[in-house]
C-alpha atoms as a PDB file:
ATOM      1  CA  MET A   1      26.595   3.295  38.040  1.00  0.00           C
ATOM      2  CA  HIS A   2      22.836   3.640  37.839  1.00  0.00           C
ATOM      3  CA  LEU A   3      20.603   0.914  36.498  1.00  0.00           C
ATOM      4  CA  ARG A   4      17.850   2.410  34.377  1.00  0.00           C
ATOM      5  CA  LEU A   5      15.369  -0.373  33.807  1.00  0.00           C
ATOM      6  CA  VAL A   6      11.943   0.717  34.895  1.00  0.00           C
ATOM      7  CA  ALA A   7       9.122  -0.972  33.078  1.00  0.00           C
ATOM      8  CA  PRO A   8       8.015  -4.593  32.774  1.00  0.00           C
ATOM      9  CA  ALA A   9       8.133  -4.239  29.017  1.00  0.00           C
ATOM     10  CA  LEU A  10      10.853  -3.329  26.605  1.00  0.00           C
ATOM     11  CA  LEU A  11       9.232  -0.477  24.814  1.00  0.00           C
ATOM     12  CA  ALA A  12       7.757  -1.676  21.539  1.00  0.00           C
ATOM     13  CA  ALA A  13       4.888  -3.712  20.146  1.00  0.00           C
ATOM     14  CA  PHE A  14       4.667  -7.040  18.370  1.00  0.00           C
ATOM     15  CA  ALA A  15       1.876  -9.563  17.943  1.00  0.00           C
ATOM     16  CA  PRO A  16       2.704 -12.650  15.842  1.00  0.00           C
ATOM     17  CA  THR A  17      -0.196 -14.643  14.471  1.00  0.00           C
ATOM     18  CA  SER A  18       1.295 -17.889  15.783  1.00  0.00           C
ATOM     19  CA  LEU A  19       4.099 -18.998  18.061  1.00  0.00           C
ATOM     20  CA  PRO A  20       7.052 -21.059  16.791  1.00  0.00           C
ATOM     21  CA  ALA A  21       7.352 -24.682  17.866  1.00  0.00           C
ATOM     22  CA  ASP A  22      10.815 -24.232  19.407  1.00  0.00           C
ATOM     23  CA  PRO A  23      10.228 -23.103  23.035  1.00  0.00           C
ATOM     24  CA  LEU A  24      13.206 -20.733  22.820  1.00  0.00           C
ATOM     25  CA  GLU A  25      11.876 -18.900  19.773  1.00  0.00           C
ATOM     26  CA  PRO A  26       8.879 -17.221  21.469  1.00  0.00           C
ATOM     27  CA  VAL A  27      11.285 -15.652  23.954  1.00  0.00           C
ATOM     28  CA  GLY A  28      13.386 -14.238  21.138  1.00  0.00           C
ATOM     29  CA  ALA A  29      10.287 -13.061  19.322  1.00  0.00           C
ATOM     30  CA  LEU A  30       8.982 -11.430  22.494  1.00  0.00           C
ATOM     31  CA  LEU A  31      12.230  -9.613  23.208  1.00  0.00           C
ATOM     32  CA  GLU A  32      12.691  -8.403  19.673  1.00  0.00           C
ATOM     33  CA  GLY A  33       9.039  -7.460  19.449  1.00  0.00           C
ATOM     34  CA  LEU A  34       9.323  -5.558  22.720  1.00  0.00           C
ATOM     35  CA  GLY A  35      12.102  -3.462  21.265  1.00  0.00           C
ATOM     36  CA  LEU A  36      15.309  -5.014  22.561  1.00  0.00           C
ATOM     37  CA  SER A  37      17.331  -3.534  19.708  1.00  0.00           C
ATOM     38  CA  GLU A  38      15.944  -0.055  20.366  1.00  0.00           C
ATOM     39  CA  ILE A  39      16.444  -0.080  24.117  1.00  0.00           C
ATOM     40  CA  VAL A  40      20.031  -1.337  24.002  1.00  0.00           C
ATOM     41  CA  GLN A  41      20.808   1.419  21.497  1.00  0.00           C
ATOM     42  CA  ILE A  42      19.428   4.000  23.931  1.00  0.00           C
ATOM     43  CA  MET A  43      21.387   2.370  26.760  1.00  0.00           C
ATOM     44  CA  ARG A  44      24.528   2.566  24.626  1.00  0.00           C
ATOM     45  CA  GLU A  45      23.998   6.310  24.238  1.00  0.00           C
ATOM     46  CA  GLU A  46      23.433   6.617  27.998  1.00  0.00           C
ATOM     47  CA  GLY A  47      26.569   4.569  28.624  1.00  0.00           C
ATOM     48  CA  ILE A  48      28.764   6.648  26.338  1.00  0.00           C
ATOM     49  CA  ALA A  49      27.590   9.809  28.124  1.00  0.00           C
ATOM     50  CA  TYR A  50      28.220   8.124  31.490  1.00  0.00           C
ATOM     51  CA  GLY A  51      31.689   7.116  30.308  1.00  0.00           C
ATOM     52  CA  ARG A  52      32.540  10.710  29.503  1.00  0.00           C
ATOM     53  CA  GLU A  53      31.442  11.809  32.982  1.00  0.00           C
ATOM     54  CA  MET A  54      33.515   9.030  34.517  1.00  0.00           C
ATOM     55  CA  GLY A  55      36.554  10.059  32.508  1.00  0.00           C
ATOM     56  CA  VAL A  56      36.308  13.634  33.742  1.00  0.00           C
ATOM     57  CA  ASP A  57      35.733  12.651  37.375  1.00  0.00           C
ATOM     58  CA  LEU A  58      38.013   9.634  37.766  1.00  0.00           C
ATOM     59  CA  LEU A  59      40.773   9.391  35.210  1.00  0.00           C
ATOM     60  CA  PRO A  60      44.062  11.308  35.249  1.00  0.00           C
ATOM     61  CA  GLY A  61      44.028  13.617  32.276  1.00  0.00           C
ATOM     62  CA  GLY A  62      40.285  13.230  31.805  1.00  0.00           C
ATOM     63  CA  VAL A  63      38.726  11.778  28.674  1.00  0.00           C
ATOM     64  CA  SER A  64      41.213  10.565  26.084  1.00  0.00           C
ATOM     65  CA  PRO A  65      40.547   9.132  22.609  1.00  0.00           C
ATOM     66  CA  ALA A  66      41.627   5.730  23.916  1.00  0.00           C
ATOM     67  CA  TRP A  67      39.159   5.900  26.811  1.00  0.00           C
ATOM     68  CA  ASP A  68      36.328   7.009  24.550  1.00  0.00           C
ATOM     69  CA  ALA A  69      37.092   4.132  22.169  1.00  0.00           C
ATOM     70  CA  ALA A  70      37.156   1.648  25.057  1.00  0.00           C
ATOM     71  CA  VAL A  71      33.776   2.812  26.340  1.00  0.00           C
ATOM     72  CA  ARG A  72      32.263   2.529  22.869  1.00  0.00           C
ATOM     73  CA  THR A  73      33.648  -0.989  22.529  1.00  0.00           C
ATOM     74  CA  ILE A  74      32.263  -2.036  25.920  1.00  0.00           C
ATOM     75  CA  TYR A  75      28.811  -0.724  25.053  1.00  0.00           C
ATOM     76  CA  ASP A  76      28.493  -3.023  22.051  1.00  0.00           C
ATOM     77  CA  THR A  77      24.806  -3.379  21.247  1.00  0.00           C
ATOM     78  CA  ASP A  78      25.076  -6.917  19.851  1.00  0.00           C
ATOM     79  CA  ALA A  79      26.855  -8.156  22.962  1.00  0.00           C
ATOM     80  CA  MET A  80      24.426  -6.264  25.211  1.00  0.00           C
ATOM     81  CA  ALA A  81      21.425  -7.826  23.490  1.00  0.00           C
ATOM     82  CA  ASP A  82      22.948 -11.313  23.738  1.00  0.00           C
ATOM     83  CA  MET A  83      23.473 -10.903  27.491  1.00  0.00           C
ATOM     84  CA  VAL A  84      19.895  -9.751  27.984  1.00  0.00           C
ATOM     85  CA  ARG A  85      18.472 -12.609  25.905  1.00  0.00           C
ATOM     86  CA  ALA A  86      20.379 -15.213  27.905  1.00  0.00           C
ATOM     87  CA  GLY A  87      19.306 -13.856  31.284  1.00  0.00           C
ATOM     88  CA  PHE A  88      15.737 -13.280  30.161  1.00  0.00           C
ATOM     89  CA  ALA A  89      15.300 -16.769  28.702  1.00  0.00           C
ATOM     90  CA  ALA A  90      16.678 -18.455  31.815  1.00  0.00           C
ATOM     91  CA  SER A  91      14.253 -16.553  34.062  1.00  0.00           C
ATOM     92  CA  PHE A  92      11.165 -16.487  31.825  1.00  0.00           C
ATOM     93  CA  GLY A  93      11.268 -20.239  31.320  1.00  0.00           C
ATOM     94  CA  THR A  94       8.031 -21.758  30.042  1.00  0.00           C
ATOM     95  CA  THR A  95       5.818 -18.743  30.791  1.00  0.00           C
ATOM     96  CA  ASP A  96       3.225 -18.223  28.055  1.00  0.00           C
ATOM     97  CA  PRO A  97       4.091 -15.001  26.189  1.00  0.00           C
ATOM     98  CA  ALA A  98       0.773 -14.854  24.287  1.00  0.00           C
ATOM     99  CA  PRO A  99      -1.067 -12.426  26.641  1.00  0.00           C
ATOM    100  CA  LEU A 100       1.924 -10.090  26.579  1.00  0.00           C
ATOM    101  CA  LEU A 101       2.211 -10.191  22.809  1.00  0.00           C
ATOM    102  CA  ALA A 102      -1.508  -9.551  22.497  1.00  0.00           C
ATOM    103  CA  PHE A 103      -1.407  -6.465  24.709  1.00  0.00           C
ATOM    104  CA  PHE A 104       1.606  -4.922  23.061  1.00  0.00           C
ATOM    105  CA  GLY A 105       0.090  -5.575  19.666  1.00  0.00           C
ATOM    106  CA  SER A 106      -2.979  -3.560  20.629  1.00  0.00           C
ATOM    107  CA  GLU A 107      -3.466   0.149  20.041  1.00  0.00           C
ATOM    108  CA  THR A 108      -2.931   0.863  23.737  1.00  0.00           C
ATOM    109  CA  GLY A 109       0.187  -1.279  23.861  1.00  0.00           C
ATOM    110  CA  GLU A 110       1.668   0.421  20.831  1.00  0.00           C
ATOM    111  CA  LYS A 111       0.985   3.811  22.389  1.00  0.00           C
ATOM    112  CA  VAL A 112       2.547   2.771  25.697  1.00  0.00           C
ATOM    113  CA  VAL A 113       5.774   1.538  24.216  1.00  0.00           C
ATOM    114  CA  SER A 114       6.148   4.493  21.867  1.00  0.00           C
ATOM    115  CA  LEU A 115       5.872   6.835  24.847  1.00  0.00           C
ATOM    116  CA  GLU A 116       8.339   4.770  26.871  1.00  0.00           C
ATOM    117  CA  LEU A 117      10.947   4.851  24.124  1.00  0.00           C
ATOM    118  CA  SER A 118      10.645   8.551  23.414  1.00  0.00           C
ATOM    119  CA  ALA A 119      10.809   9.474  27.111  1.00  0.00           C
ATOM    120  CA  ARG A 120      13.810   7.231  27.731  1.00  0.00           C
ATOM    121  CA  ALA A 121      15.678   8.751  24.796  1.00  0.00           C
ATOM    122  CA  ALA A 122      14.732  12.305  25.796  1.00  0.00           C
ATOM    123  CA  MET A 123      15.991  11.878  29.357  1.00  0.00           C
ATOM    124  CA  ILE A 124      19.525  11.304  28.114  1.00  0.00           C
ATOM    125  CA  GLU A 125      19.647  15.106  27.941  1.00  0.00           C
ATOM    126  CA  ASP A 126      20.359  16.592  31.369  1.00  0.00           C
ATOM    127  CA  PRO A 127      17.890  19.529  31.070  1.00  0.00           C
ATOM    128  CA  VAL A 128      15.069  17.131  30.170  1.00  0.00           C
ATOM    129  CA  GLU A 129      15.869  14.822  33.077  1.00  0.00           C
ATOM    130  CA  GLU A 130      16.064  17.722  35.525  1.00  0.00           C
ATOM    131  CA  ALA A 131      12.732  19.103  34.314  1.00  0.00           C
ATOM    132  CA  ALA A 132      11.143  15.673  34.780  1.00  0.00           C
ATOM    133  CA  ARG A 133      12.588  15.408  38.278  1.00  0.00           C
ATOM    134  CA  ASP A 134      11.303  18.888  39.135  1.00  0.00           C
ATOM    135  CA  ALA A 135       7.828  17.891  37.966  1.00  0.00           C
ATOM    136  CA  PHE A 136       7.862  14.831  40.219  1.00  0.00           C
ATOM    137  CA  ARG A 137       9.177  16.766  43.200  1.00  0.00           C
ATOM    138  CA  GLY A 138       6.208  19.082  42.832  1.00  0.00           C
ATOM    139  CA  LEU A 139       3.815  16.129  43.096  1.00  0.00           C
ATOM    140  CA  ASP A 140       5.613  13.887  45.590  1.00  0.00           C
ATOM    141  CA  GLY A 141       3.370  13.414  48.600  1.00  0.00           C
ATOM    142  CA  ALA A 142       0.394  15.056  46.916  1.00  0.00           C
ATOM    143  CA  ALA A 143      -2.993  13.352  46.534  1.00  0.00           C
ATOM    144  CA  ASP A 144      -2.754  13.024  42.767  1.00  0.00           C
ATOM    145  CA  PRO A 145      -4.768  10.282  40.969  1.00  0.00           C
ATOM    146  CA  ARG A 146      -2.157   9.792  38.256  1.00  0.00           C
ATOM    147  CA  LEU A 147       0.644   9.545  40.798  1.00  0.00           C
ATOM    148  CA  ALA A 148      -1.414   6.976  42.716  1.00  0.00           C
ATOM    149  CA  LEU A 149      -1.712   4.811  39.579  1.00  0.00           C
ATOM    150  CA  ILE A 150       2.012   5.026  38.978  1.00  0.00           C
ATOM    151  CA  GLU A 151       2.681   4.129  42.612  1.00  0.00           C
ATOM    152  CA  ARG A 152       0.617   0.959  42.074  1.00  0.00           C
ATOM    153  CA  PHE A 153       2.711   0.223  38.998  1.00  0.00           C
ATOM    154  CA  VAL A 154       6.016   0.768  40.796  1.00  0.00           C
ATOM    155  CA  ASP A 155       5.057  -1.085  43.978  1.00  0.00           C
ATOM    156  CA  GLY A 156       3.386  -3.973  42.151  1.00  0.00           C
ATOM    157  CA  ASN A 157       6.532  -4.621  40.121  1.00  0.00           C
ATOM    158  CA  ASP A 158       8.990  -3.855  42.942  1.00  0.00           C
ATOM    159  CA  LEU A 159      10.719  -1.458  40.569  1.00  0.00           C
ATOM    160  CA  VAL A 160      12.575   0.638  43.128  1.00  0.00           C
ATOM    161  CA  GLU A 161      14.059  -2.369  44.897  1.00  0.00           C
ATOM    162  CA  SER A 162      15.009  -4.093  41.648  1.00  0.00           C
ATOM    163  CA  ASN A 163      16.727  -0.953  40.376  1.00  0.00           C
ATOM    164  CA  VAL A 164      18.589  -0.493  43.654  1.00  0.00           C
ATOM    165  CA  VAL A 165      19.810  -4.094  43.632  1.00  0.00           C
ATOM    166  CA  GLY A 166      20.937  -3.769  40.037  1.00  0.00           C
ATOM    167  CA  ALA A 167      22.723  -0.473  40.686  1.00  0.00           C
ATOM    168  CA  LEU A 168      24.547  -1.794  43.746  1.00  0.00           C
ATOM    169  CA  ASN A 169      25.573  -4.973  41.925  1.00  0.00           C
ATOM    170  CA  ALA A 170      26.871  -2.865  39.037  1.00  0.00           C
ATOM    171  CA  SER A 171      28.833  -0.686  41.467  1.00  0.00           C
ATOM    172  CA  TYR A 172      30.318  -3.795  43.087  1.00  0.00           C
ATOM    173  CA  ALA A 173      31.343  -5.135  39.661  1.00  0.00           C
ATOM    174  CA  PHE A 174      32.998  -1.808  38.801  1.00  0.00           C
ATOM    175  CA  TYR A 175      35.081  -1.795  41.987  1.00  0.00           C
ATOM    176  CA  LEU A 176      35.981  -5.430  41.354  1.00  0.00           C
ATOM    177  CA  GLY A 177      37.209  -4.487  37.892  1.00  0.00           C
ATOM    178  CA  LEU A 178      39.329  -1.704  39.363  1.00  0.00           C
ATOM    179  CA  ALA A 179      40.767  -4.123  41.924  1.00  0.00           C
ATOM    180  CA  ASP A 180      41.440  -6.880  39.399  1.00  0.00           C
ATOM    181  CA  GLY A 181      43.127  -4.280  37.212  1.00  0.00           C
ATOM    182  CA  ASP A 182      45.398  -3.338  40.161  1.00  0.00           C
ATOM    183  CA  ALA A 183      44.170   0.244  40.243  1.00  0.00           C
ATOM    184  CA  ILE A 184      42.961  -0.078  43.845  1.00  0.00           C
ATOM    185  CA  GLU A 185      43.723  -2.365  46.774  1.00  0.00           C
ATOM    186  CA  MET A 186      40.454  -3.482  48.309  1.00  0.00           C
ATOM    187  CA  THR A 187      39.331  -6.831  49.648  1.00  0.00           C
ATOM    188  CA  GLU A 188      35.932  -8.216  48.692  1.00  0.00           C
ATOM    189  CA  SER A 189      34.544  -7.306  52.103  1.00  0.00           C
ATOM    190  CA  GLU A 190      35.862  -3.765  51.763  1.00  0.00           C
ATOM    191  CA  ILE A 191      34.215  -3.442  48.352  1.00  0.00           C
ATOM    192  CA  VAL A 192      30.929  -4.743  49.747  1.00  0.00           C
ATOM    193  CA  SER A 193      31.126  -2.251  52.631  1.00  0.00           C
ATOM    194  CA  GLU A 194      31.860   0.638  50.277  1.00  0.00           C
ATOM    195  CA  VAL A 195      29.047  -0.296  47.916  1.00  0.00           C
ATOM    196  CA  TRP A 196      26.550  -0.784  50.743  1.00  0.00           C
ATOM    197  CA  SER A 197      27.387   2.680  52.059  1.00  0.00           C
ATOM    198  CA  GLN A 198      25.959   4.005  48.767  1.00  0.00           C
ATOM    199  CA  GLU A 199      22.579   2.316  49.318  1.00  0.00           C
ATOM    200  CA  PRO A 200      20.609   5.228  50.820  1.00  0.00           C
ATOM    201  CA  GLU A 201      21.705   7.677  48.118  1.00  0.00           C
ATOM    202  CA  THR A 202      21.188   5.072  45.392  1.00  0.00           C
ATOM    203  CA  ARG A 203      17.680   4.290  46.663  1.00  0.00           C
ATOM    204  CA  ALA A 204      16.648   7.937  46.813  1.00  0.00           C
ATOM    205  CA  ASP A 205      18.026   8.667  43.347  1.00  0.00           C
ATOM    206  CA  SER A 206      16.480   5.525  41.832  1.00  0.00           C
ATOM    207  CA  ARG A 207      13.066   6.332  43.263  1.00  0.00           C
ATOM    208  CA  GLU A 208      13.142   9.907  42.034  1.00  0.00           C
ATOM    209  CA  TRP A 209      14.354   8.925  38.567  1.00  0.00           C
ATOM    210  CA  LEU A 210      11.730   6.189  38.242  1.00  0.00           C
ATOM    211  CA  TYR A 211       8.793   8.390  39.116  1.00  0.00           C
ATOM    212  CA  SER A 212      10.122  11.265  37.034  1.00  0.00           C
ATOM    213  CA  TYR A 213      10.481   9.017  34.003  1.00  0.00           C
ATOM    214  CA  LEU A 214       7.126   7.293  34.424  1.00  0.00           C
ATOM    215  CA  LEU A 215       5.200  10.535  34.930  1.00  0.00           C
ATOM    216  CA  MET A 216       6.802  11.935  31.800  1.00  0.00           C
ATOM    217  CA  ALA A 217       6.356   8.795  29.697  1.00  0.00           C
ATOM    218  CA  TYR A 218       2.760   8.060  30.653  1.00  0.00           C
ATOM    219  CA  GLY A 219       1.512  11.625  30.777  1.00  0.00           C
ATOM    220  CA  PRO A 220      -0.325  11.336  27.426  1.00  0.00           C
ATOM    221  CA  LEU A 221      -2.087   8.087  28.454  1.00  0.00           C
ATOM    222  CA  SER A 222      -5.654   8.218  29.710  1.00  0.00           C
ATOM    223  CA  ASP A 223      -6.320   6.857  33.178  1.00  0.00           C
ATOM    224  CA  ASP A 224      -8.065   3.854  31.612  1.00  0.00           C
ATOM    225  CA  GLU A 225      -5.085   3.115  29.348  1.00  0.00           C
ATOM    226  CA  LEU A 226      -2.653   3.353  32.231  1.00  0.00           C
ATOM    227  CA  ALA A 227      -4.926   1.194  34.416  1.00  0.00           C
ATOM    228  CA  ASP A 228      -4.943  -1.489  31.703  1.00  0.00           C
ATOM    229  CA  TYR A 229      -1.152  -1.428  31.630  1.00  0.00           C
ATOM    230  CA  VAL A 230      -0.951  -1.676  35.421  1.00  0.00           C
ATOM    231  CA  ALA A 231      -3.321  -4.649  35.310  1.00  0.00           C
ATOM    232  CA  LEU A 232      -1.173  -6.414  32.712  1.00  0.00           C
ATOM    233  CA  SER A 233       1.953  -5.869  34.783  1.00  0.00           C
ATOM    234  CA  SER A 234       0.184  -7.431  37.787  1.00  0.00           C
ATOM    235  CA  SER A 235      -0.765 -10.607  35.898  1.00  0.00           C
ATOM    236  CA  PRO A 236       1.328 -13.785  36.310  1.00  0.00           C
ATOM    237  CA  GLU A 237       2.730 -13.312  32.813  1.00  0.00           C
ATOM    238  CA  GLY A 238       3.519  -9.657  33.453  1.00  0.00           C
ATOM    239  CA  GLN A 239       5.247 -10.472  36.725  1.00  0.00           C
ATOM    240  CA  ALA A 240       7.286 -13.193  35.012  1.00  0.00           C
ATOM    241  CA  MET A 241       8.359 -10.733  32.332  1.00  0.00           C
ATOM    242  CA  THR A 242       9.405  -8.153  34.907  1.00  0.00           C
ATOM    243  CA  ARG A 243      11.556 -10.686  36.747  1.00  0.00           C
ATOM    244  CA  ALA A 244      13.074 -11.912  33.493  1.00  0.00           C
ATOM    245  CA  LEU A 245      13.858  -8.401  32.276  1.00  0.00           C
ATOM    246  CA  PHE A 246      15.666  -7.542  35.477  1.00  0.00           C
ATOM    247  CA  ALA A 247      17.540 -10.846  35.335  1.00  0.00           C
ATOM    248  CA  GLY A 248      18.689 -10.032  31.812  1.00  0.00           C
ATOM    249  CA  PHE A 249      19.525  -6.383  32.310  1.00  0.00           C
ATOM    250  CA  ASN A 250      21.047  -6.742  35.786  1.00  0.00           C
ATOM    251  CA  GLY A 251      23.422  -9.335  34.363  1.00  0.00           C
ATOM    252  CA  MET A 252      24.244  -7.106  31.409  1.00  0.00           C
ATOM    253  CA  TYR A 253      24.959  -4.066  33.578  1.00  0.00           C
ATOM    254  CA  ALA A 254      27.165  -6.102  35.920  1.00  0.00           C
ATOM    255  CA  GLN A 255      29.311  -7.364  33.045  1.00  0.00           C
ATOM    256  CA  ILE A 256      29.557  -3.903  31.497  1.00  0.00           C
ATOM    257  CA  SER A 257      30.499  -2.363  34.864  1.00  0.00           C
ATOM    258  CA  TYR A 258      33.260  -4.896  35.422  1.00  0.00           C
ATOM    259  CA  ALA A 259      34.651  -4.181  31.944  1.00  0.00           C
ATOM    260  CA  LEU A 260      34.533  -0.443  32.653  1.00  0.00           C
ATOM    261  CA  GLY A 261      36.428  -1.008  35.890  1.00  0.00           C
ATOM    262  CA  LEU A 262      39.151  -2.963  34.123  1.00  0.00           C
ATOM    263  CA  ALA A 263      39.407  -0.341  31.380  1.00  0.00           C
ATOM    264  CA  ALA A 264      39.542   2.494  33.911  1.00  0.00           C
ATOM    265  CA  ALA A 265      42.261   0.634  35.822  1.00  0.00           C
ATOM    266  CA  GLY A 266      44.338   0.435  32.671  1.00  0.00           C
ATOM    267  CA  GLN A 267      43.910   4.156  32.063  1.00  0.00           C
ATOM    268  CA  MET A 268      44.731   5.036  35.660  1.00  0.00           C
ATOM    269  CA  LYS A 269      47.916   2.992  35.501  1.00  0.00           C
ATOM    270  CA  GLY A 270      48.895   4.586  32.200  1.00  0.00           C
ATOM    271  CA  GLN A 271      48.370   1.396  30.218  1.00  0.00           C
ATOM    272  CA  ASP A 272      46.936   1.130  26.760  1.00  0.00           C
ATOM    273  CA  LEU A 273      43.233   0.437  26.761  1.00  0.00           C
END
């Protein structure tokens, strides 16, 4: 299962005039202002499509109405948002969100997040994703100024590594769900070995997807606008947000993957989902 969290922001803009007194409320305001509701809805659509692919590839008899219903239940946007909020708040701690809110309330910030959302939604469609990957493959290794800026963005936020870790953890959780559902017989060490064998392919795919997405999303930005965004992501507050977002979304994906494994085990054994 691929983790698709790429940016140190959650794709929307919000700039409150003042921060609430409760230290937990700024975190909620930041997440909602950054588009948590929108991104989990997109991730639900991605997940439903992924569930259909899984049903065709893994389950006897392919996709059934019961399997489709189970996948839709697992990708519950309210539950997904709650998991992200909990993980984000625990990681973000007492970091001051004001500089982040100020940027994403600016004209540049609003433009950035609008582009991120539209690109993320568009890449659900396979032809769009493949076209974006083709565009990146044509640039990979070239001396391109825009690609160099995006490389700074990716490297500065450790985006490839964080996506790989999240994807491998999600894969581990899925196998664990299958094992706990008695669909497979694997020890924990065997699951770890199997998941780790996927690391090279997962890393290559994550890197290509990241750059393809970012080149597509940020194409309309000027170099100055993109440089401002890169600078924000490199700030202490930006780095704290990146870590917190991965904490929230990695935890969410792991729980969803485990639930998918259990549900798939039930289907494979001929049980009701």
